[in-house]
Amino acid sequence: MLNLLFVCSRNQLRSPTAEAMWQRRPGISARSAGTSPHARRPISPADIRWADVIFVMEPKHQHRLQANFARLLEHTPLHCLDIPDDYRCMDPALMALLEAKVAPYLTSSVAKR
């Protein structure tokens, strides 16, 4: 099982969409969280430890994770998808973008296992 963690700011639109999309795939377990303390589900050290691969939506999320969890991230791949906060939850355009941006990383992650 490959554990994927998707992170945005408030865990309301982008990362829950990604979680719902990838959770349906065989061999993948997905979670989502937010970097804001006011997120629907704030990210925790347990989330970082659980993840095999972490995807953030914007560079600011990557910076926050590196500032708050540097040691925990040392051996976990962290990828920035560069997806702006311009979409609704489960927006078909967002889903297509997530598919196009996440899939190439998963091919290489699965190959390394």
N, C-alpha and C. Protein backbone atom coordinates (compact mmCIF):
# COMPACT_ATOMS: atom_id res chain seq x y z
N MET A 1 0.85 -1.18 0.00
CA MET A 1 0.00 0.00 0.00
C MET A 1 0.89 1.25 0.00
N LEU A 2 0.61 2.18 -0.89
CA LEU A 2 1.34 3.44 -0.98
C LEU A 2 0.50 4.51 -0.31
N ASN A 3 1.05 5.16 0.72
CA ASN A 3 0.33 6.18 1.48
C ASN A 3 0.63 7.57 0.93
N LEU A 4 -0.42 8.24 0.42
CA LEU A 4 -0.28 9.57 -0.15
C LEU A 4 -0.95 10.60 0.75
N LEU A 5 -0.24 11.67 1.03
CA LEU A 5 -0.77 12.77 1.83
C LEU A 5 -0.86 14.01 0.95
N PHE A 6 -2.05 14.60 0.87
CA PHE A 6 -2.29 15.81 0.09
C PHE A 6 -2.53 16.96 1.05
N VAL A 7 -1.84 18.10 0.79
CA VAL A 7 -1.88 19.22 1.71
C VAL A 7 -2.22 20.51 0.97
N CYS A 8 -3.16 21.27 1.54
CA CYS A 8 -3.44 22.64 1.08
C CYS A 8 -3.54 23.50 2.35
N SER A 9 -4.17 24.64 2.25
CA SER A 9 -4.22 25.54 3.40
C SER A 9 -5.26 25.13 4.44
N ARG A 10 -6.52 25.09 4.04
CA ARG A 10 -7.60 24.87 4.99
C ARG A 10 -8.25 23.48 4.87
N ASN A 11 -7.72 22.64 3.99
CA ASN A 11 -8.23 21.29 3.83
C ASN A 11 -9.74 21.29 3.54
N GLN A 12 -10.12 22.17 2.62
CA GLN A 12 -11.54 22.24 2.29
C GLN A 12 -11.83 21.96 0.82
N LEU A 13 -10.91 22.27 -0.09
CA LEU A 13 -11.21 22.15 -1.52
C LEU A 13 -10.23 21.25 -2.26
N ARG A 14 -9.00 21.70 -2.38
CA ARG A 14 -8.03 20.98 -3.21
C ARG A 14 -7.59 19.65 -2.61
N SER A 15 -7.10 19.66 -1.40
CA SER A 15 -6.57 18.41 -0.84
C SER A 15 -7.67 17.37 -0.59
N PRO A 16 -8.89 17.74 -0.15
CA PRO A 16 -9.93 16.71 -0.04
C PRO A 16 -10.32 16.12 -1.40
N THR A 17 -10.27 16.94 -2.45
CA THR A 17 -10.55 16.43 -3.79
C THR A 17 -9.51 15.38 -4.16
N ALA A 18 -8.24 15.70 -3.94
CA ALA A 18 -7.16 14.75 -4.25
C ALA A 18 -7.31 13.47 -3.42
N GLU A 19 -7.61 13.62 -2.16
CA GLU A 19 -7.80 12.44 -1.30
C GLU A 19 -8.91 11.56 -1.86
N ALA A 20 -10.05 12.14 -2.20
CA ALA A 20 -11.17 11.36 -2.72
C ALA A 20 -10.81 10.67 -4.03
N MET A 21 -10.08 11.36 -4.89
CA MET A 21 -9.68 10.77 -6.17
C MET A 21 -8.74 9.58 -6.00
N TRP A 22 -7.71 9.76 -5.21
CA TRP A 22 -6.66 8.75 -5.12
C TRP A 22 -7.02 7.64 -4.14
N GLN A 23 -7.93 7.89 -3.22
CA GLN A 23 -8.35 6.86 -2.27
C GLN A 23 -9.03 5.70 -2.99
N ARG A 24 -9.60 5.96 -4.14
CA ARG A 24 -10.32 4.94 -4.90
C ARG A 24 -9.40 4.00 -5.68
N ARG A 25 -8.13 4.31 -5.74
CA ARG A 25 -7.20 3.53 -6.56
C ARG A 25 -6.68 2.31 -5.80
N PRO A 26 -6.58 1.18 -6.47
CA PRO A 26 -6.03 0.00 -5.82
C PRO A 26 -4.57 0.23 -5.42
N GLY A 27 -4.23 -0.24 -4.24
CA GLY A 27 -2.85 -0.14 -3.77
C GLY A 27 -2.48 1.21 -3.21
N ILE A 28 -3.46 2.13 -3.10
CA ILE A 28 -3.18 3.48 -2.60
C ILE A 28 -4.10 3.79 -1.43
N SER A 29 -3.52 4.37 -0.42
CA SER A 29 -4.27 4.93 0.69
C SER A 29 -3.98 6.42 0.69
N ALA A 30 -5.00 7.26 0.83
CA ALA A 30 -4.81 8.70 0.74
C ALA A 30 -5.44 9.40 1.94
N ARG A 31 -4.78 10.48 2.33
CA ARG A 31 -5.28 11.38 3.38
C ARG A 31 -5.09 12.81 2.89
N SER A 32 -5.79 13.72 3.55
CA SER A 32 -5.57 15.14 3.27
C SER A 32 -5.54 15.91 4.57
N ALA A 33 -4.86 17.06 4.51
CA ALA A 33 -4.74 17.90 5.70
C ALA A 33 -4.44 19.33 5.24
N GLY A 34 -4.51 20.25 6.20
CA GLY A 34 -4.22 21.65 5.89
C GLY A 34 -3.13 22.21 6.77
N THR A 35 -2.45 23.23 6.25
CA THR A 35 -1.37 23.86 7.01
C THR A 35 -1.88 24.89 8.01
N SER A 36 -3.08 25.39 7.83
CA SER A 36 -3.65 26.39 8.73
C SER A 36 -4.11 25.75 10.03
N PRO A 37 -3.93 26.45 11.15
CA PRO A 37 -4.47 25.91 12.40
C PRO A 37 -6.00 25.85 12.37
N HIS A 38 -6.60 26.56 11.42
CA HIS A 38 -8.06 26.58 11.28
C HIS A 38 -8.54 25.62 10.19
N ALA A 39 -7.65 24.76 9.72
CA ALA A 39 -8.01 23.79 8.69
C ALA A 39 -9.06 22.83 9.22
N ARG A 40 -9.83 22.29 8.30
CA ARG A 40 -10.81 21.26 8.66
C ARG A 40 -10.11 20.11 9.36
N ARG A 41 -8.92 19.77 8.86
CA ARG A 41 -8.06 18.75 9.49
C ARG A 41 -6.63 19.25 9.43
N PRO A 42 -6.14 19.88 10.51
CA PRO A 42 -4.75 20.38 10.51
C PRO A 42 -3.74 19.23 10.42
N ILE A 43 -2.68 19.47 9.70
CA ILE A 43 -1.64 18.45 9.54
C ILE A 43 -0.95 18.20 10.88
N SER A 44 -0.56 16.94 11.09
CA SER A 44 0.08 16.55 12.35
C SER A 44 1.36 15.77 12.06
N PRO A 45 2.22 15.63 13.06
CA PRO A 45 3.40 14.79 12.89
C PRO A 45 3.03 13.35 12.49
N ALA A 46 1.91 12.86 13.01
CA ALA A 46 1.48 11.50 12.66
C ALA A 46 1.18 11.39 11.16
N ASP A 47 0.64 12.44 10.57
CA ASP A 47 0.38 12.42 9.12
C ASP A 47 1.68 12.31 8.34
N ILE A 48 2.68 13.07 8.77
CA ILE A 48 3.98 13.06 8.08
C ILE A 48 4.62 11.67 8.19
N ARG A 49 4.58 11.09 9.39
CA ARG A 49 5.15 9.75 9.59
C ARG A 49 4.42 8.69 8.77
N TRP A 50 3.12 8.85 8.61
CA TRP A 50 2.29 7.88 7.87
C TRP A 50 2.58 7.91 6.37
N ALA A 51 2.89 9.07 5.83
CA ALA A 51 2.98 9.27 4.38
C ALA A 51 4.23 8.67 3.76
N ASP A 52 4.04 8.04 2.61
CA ASP A 52 5.17 7.62 1.77
C ASP A 52 5.56 8.73 0.81
N VAL A 53 4.57 9.50 0.38
CA VAL A 53 4.78 10.62 -0.52
C VAL A 53 3.82 11.73 -0.09
N ILE A 54 4.32 12.97 -0.09
CA ILE A 54 3.49 14.12 0.28
C ILE A 54 3.40 15.05 -0.92
N PHE A 55 2.18 15.49 -1.21
CA PHE A 55 1.93 16.46 -2.28
C PHE A 55 1.33 17.71 -1.67
N VAL A 56 1.95 18.85 -1.93
CA VAL A 56 1.40 20.13 -1.49
C VAL A 56 0.89 20.86 -2.73
N MET A 57 -0.07 21.74 -2.52
CA MET A 57 -0.68 22.43 -3.65
C MET A 57 0.11 23.66 -4.10
N GLU A 58 0.79 24.34 -3.16
CA GLU A 58 1.51 25.57 -3.49
C GLU A 58 2.85 25.61 -2.74
N PRO A 59 3.79 26.42 -3.24
CA PRO A 59 5.08 26.53 -2.55
C PRO A 59 4.95 26.95 -1.09
N LYS A 60 3.98 27.79 -0.76
CA LYS A 60 3.83 28.23 0.65
C LYS A 60 3.54 27.04 1.57
N HIS A 61 2.84 26.04 1.07
CA HIS A 61 2.57 24.85 1.88
C HIS A 61 3.85 24.05 2.10
N GLN A 62 4.67 23.96 1.07
CA GLN A 62 5.95 23.27 1.18
C GLN A 62 6.85 23.97 2.21
N HIS A 63 6.89 25.30 2.16
CA HIS A 63 7.71 26.05 3.11
C HIS A 63 7.23 25.85 4.54
N ARG A 64 5.91 25.84 4.73
CA ARG A 64 5.37 25.64 6.09
C ARG A 64 5.70 24.25 6.62
N LEU A 65 5.56 23.26 5.76
CA LEU A 65 5.90 21.90 6.21
C LEU A 65 7.37 21.78 6.55
N GLN A 66 8.23 22.35 5.71
CA GLN A 66 9.66 22.27 5.97
C GLN A 66 10.03 23.04 7.24
N ALA A 67 9.36 24.15 7.50
CA ALA A 67 9.63 24.92 8.71
C ALA A 67 9.17 24.19 9.97
N ASN A 68 8.04 23.50 9.88
CA ASN A 68 7.45 22.88 11.07
C ASN A 68 7.83 21.41 11.27
N PHE A 69 8.22 20.72 10.20
CA PHE A 69 8.45 19.28 10.29
C PHE A 69 9.74 18.84 9.60
N ALA A 70 10.76 19.66 9.62
CA ALA A 70 11.99 19.39 8.86
C ALA A 70 12.55 17.99 9.12
N ARG A 71 12.70 17.61 10.38
CA ARG A 71 13.29 16.30 10.67
C ARG A 71 12.42 15.15 10.20
N LEU A 72 11.12 15.29 10.35
CA LEU A 72 10.21 14.22 9.93
C LEU A 72 10.18 14.06 8.40
N LEU A 73 10.49 15.13 7.69
CA LEU A 73 10.44 15.11 6.23
C LEU A 73 11.72 14.61 5.57
N GLU A 74 12.75 14.34 6.36
CA GLU A 74 14.06 14.01 5.80
C GLU A 74 14.04 12.85 4.82
N HIS A 75 13.17 11.87 5.02
CA HIS A 75 13.17 10.68 4.17
C HIS A 75 11.85 10.49 3.43
N THR A 76 11.05 11.55 3.34
CA THR A 76 9.76 11.46 2.67
C THR A 76 9.75 12.40 1.46
N PRO A 77 9.51 11.88 0.28
CA PRO A 77 9.43 12.75 -0.90
C PRO A 77 8.30 13.77 -0.74
N LEU A 78 8.61 15.02 -1.06
CA LEU A 78 7.65 16.13 -0.94
C LEU A 78 7.62 16.85 -2.28
N HIS A 79 6.45 16.89 -2.91
CA HIS A 79 6.31 17.47 -4.24
C HIS A 79 5.29 18.60 -4.23
N CYS A 80 5.63 19.70 -4.86
CA CYS A 80 4.72 20.82 -5.00
C CYS A 80 4.03 20.71 -6.36
N LEU A 81 2.70 20.71 -6.35
CA LEU A 81 1.92 20.55 -7.57
C LEU A 81 1.63 21.88 -8.27
N ASP A 82 1.86 22.99 -7.60
CA ASP A 82 1.58 24.32 -8.17
C ASP A 82 0.15 24.43 -8.68
N ILE A 83 -0.80 24.11 -7.81
CA ILE A 83 -2.22 24.23 -8.13
C ILE A 83 -2.80 25.36 -7.29
N PRO A 84 -3.20 26.47 -7.93
CA PRO A 84 -3.73 27.61 -7.17
C PRO A 84 -5.10 27.32 -6.56
N ASP A 85 -5.48 28.14 -5.62
CA ASP A 85 -6.76 27.99 -4.92
C ASP A 85 -7.87 28.64 -5.75
N ASP A 86 -8.09 28.10 -6.94
CA ASP A 86 -9.07 28.66 -7.89
C ASP A 86 -10.20 27.69 -8.21
N TYR A 87 -10.35 26.62 -7.44
CA TYR A 87 -11.29 25.57 -7.80
C TYR A 87 -12.23 25.23 -6.65
N ARG A 88 -13.37 24.67 -7.01
CA ARG A 88 -14.31 24.13 -6.03
C ARG A 88 -13.92 22.68 -5.73
N CYS A 89 -14.43 22.17 -4.65
CA CYS A 89 -14.20 20.77 -4.30
C CYS A 89 -14.82 19.89 -5.38
N MET A 90 -14.07 18.91 -5.85
CA MET A 90 -14.47 17.96 -6.87
C MET A 90 -14.77 18.62 -8.22
N ASP A 91 -14.21 19.80 -8.45
CA ASP A 91 -14.32 20.49 -9.73
C ASP A 91 -13.66 19.61 -10.79
N PRO A 92 -14.35 19.32 -11.91
CA PRO A 92 -13.74 18.47 -12.95
C PRO A 92 -12.40 19.02 -13.47
N ALA A 93 -12.25 20.33 -13.56
CA ALA A 93 -10.97 20.90 -14.02
C ALA A 93 -9.87 20.63 -12.99
N LEU A 94 -10.20 20.74 -11.71
CA LEU A 94 -9.24 20.43 -10.64
C LEU A 94 -8.87 18.95 -10.69
N MET A 95 -9.84 18.10 -10.87
CA MET A 95 -9.58 16.66 -10.91
C MET A 95 -8.67 16.30 -12.09
N ALA A 96 -8.89 16.92 -13.23
CA ALA A 96 -8.04 16.66 -14.39
C ALA A 96 -6.61 17.13 -14.13
N LEU A 97 -6.49 18.29 -13.51
CA LEU A 97 -5.17 18.84 -13.18
C LEU A 97 -4.44 17.94 -12.18
N LEU A 98 -5.14 17.50 -11.15
CA LEU A 98 -4.54 16.60 -10.16
C LEU A 98 -4.09 15.30 -10.82
N GLU A 99 -4.91 14.75 -11.66
CA GLU A 99 -4.55 13.51 -12.36
C GLU A 99 -3.27 13.69 -13.16
N ALA A 100 -3.21 14.78 -13.90
CA ALA A 100 -2.05 15.03 -14.77
C ALA A 100 -0.78 15.29 -13.96
N LYS A 101 -0.90 15.93 -12.81
CA LYS A 101 0.29 16.31 -12.04
C LYS A 101 0.75 15.22 -11.07
N VAL A 102 -0.16 14.44 -10.54
CA VAL A 102 0.20 13.43 -9.53
C VAL A 102 0.66 12.12 -10.18
N ALA A 103 0.01 11.70 -11.23
CA ALA A 103 0.28 10.39 -11.84
C ALA A 103 1.76 10.16 -12.16
N PRO A 104 2.49 11.12 -12.76
CA PRO A 104 3.91 10.86 -13.05
C PRO A 104 4.75 10.57 -11.80
N TYR A 105 4.43 11.21 -10.70
CA TYR A 105 5.18 10.94 -9.46
C TYR A 105 4.88 9.54 -8.94
N LEU A 106 3.67 9.08 -9.13
CA LEU A 106 3.31 7.76 -8.62
C LEU A 106 3.98 6.67 -9.41
N THR A 107 4.14 6.86 -10.69
CA THR A 107 4.84 5.87 -11.52
C THR A 107 6.26 5.67 -11.00
N SER A 108 6.95 6.77 -10.69
CA SER A 108 8.32 6.65 -10.18
C SER A 108 8.33 6.12 -8.75
N SER A 109 7.35 6.49 -7.91
CA SER A 109 7.31 6.02 -6.54
C SER A 109 7.06 4.53 -6.47
N VAL A 110 6.16 4.03 -7.30
CA VAL A 110 5.86 2.60 -7.32
C VAL A 110 7.05 1.82 -7.84
N ALA A 111 7.73 2.37 -8.82
CA ALA A 111 8.90 1.69 -9.39
C ALA A 111 10.02 1.54 -8.36
N LYS A 112 10.14 2.49 -7.42
CA LYS A 112 11.19 2.45 -6.40
C LYS A 112 10.89 1.44 -5.30
N ARG A 113 9.67 1.00 -5.18
CA ARG A 113 9.29 0.08 -4.09
C ARG A 113 9.66 -1.34 -4.39
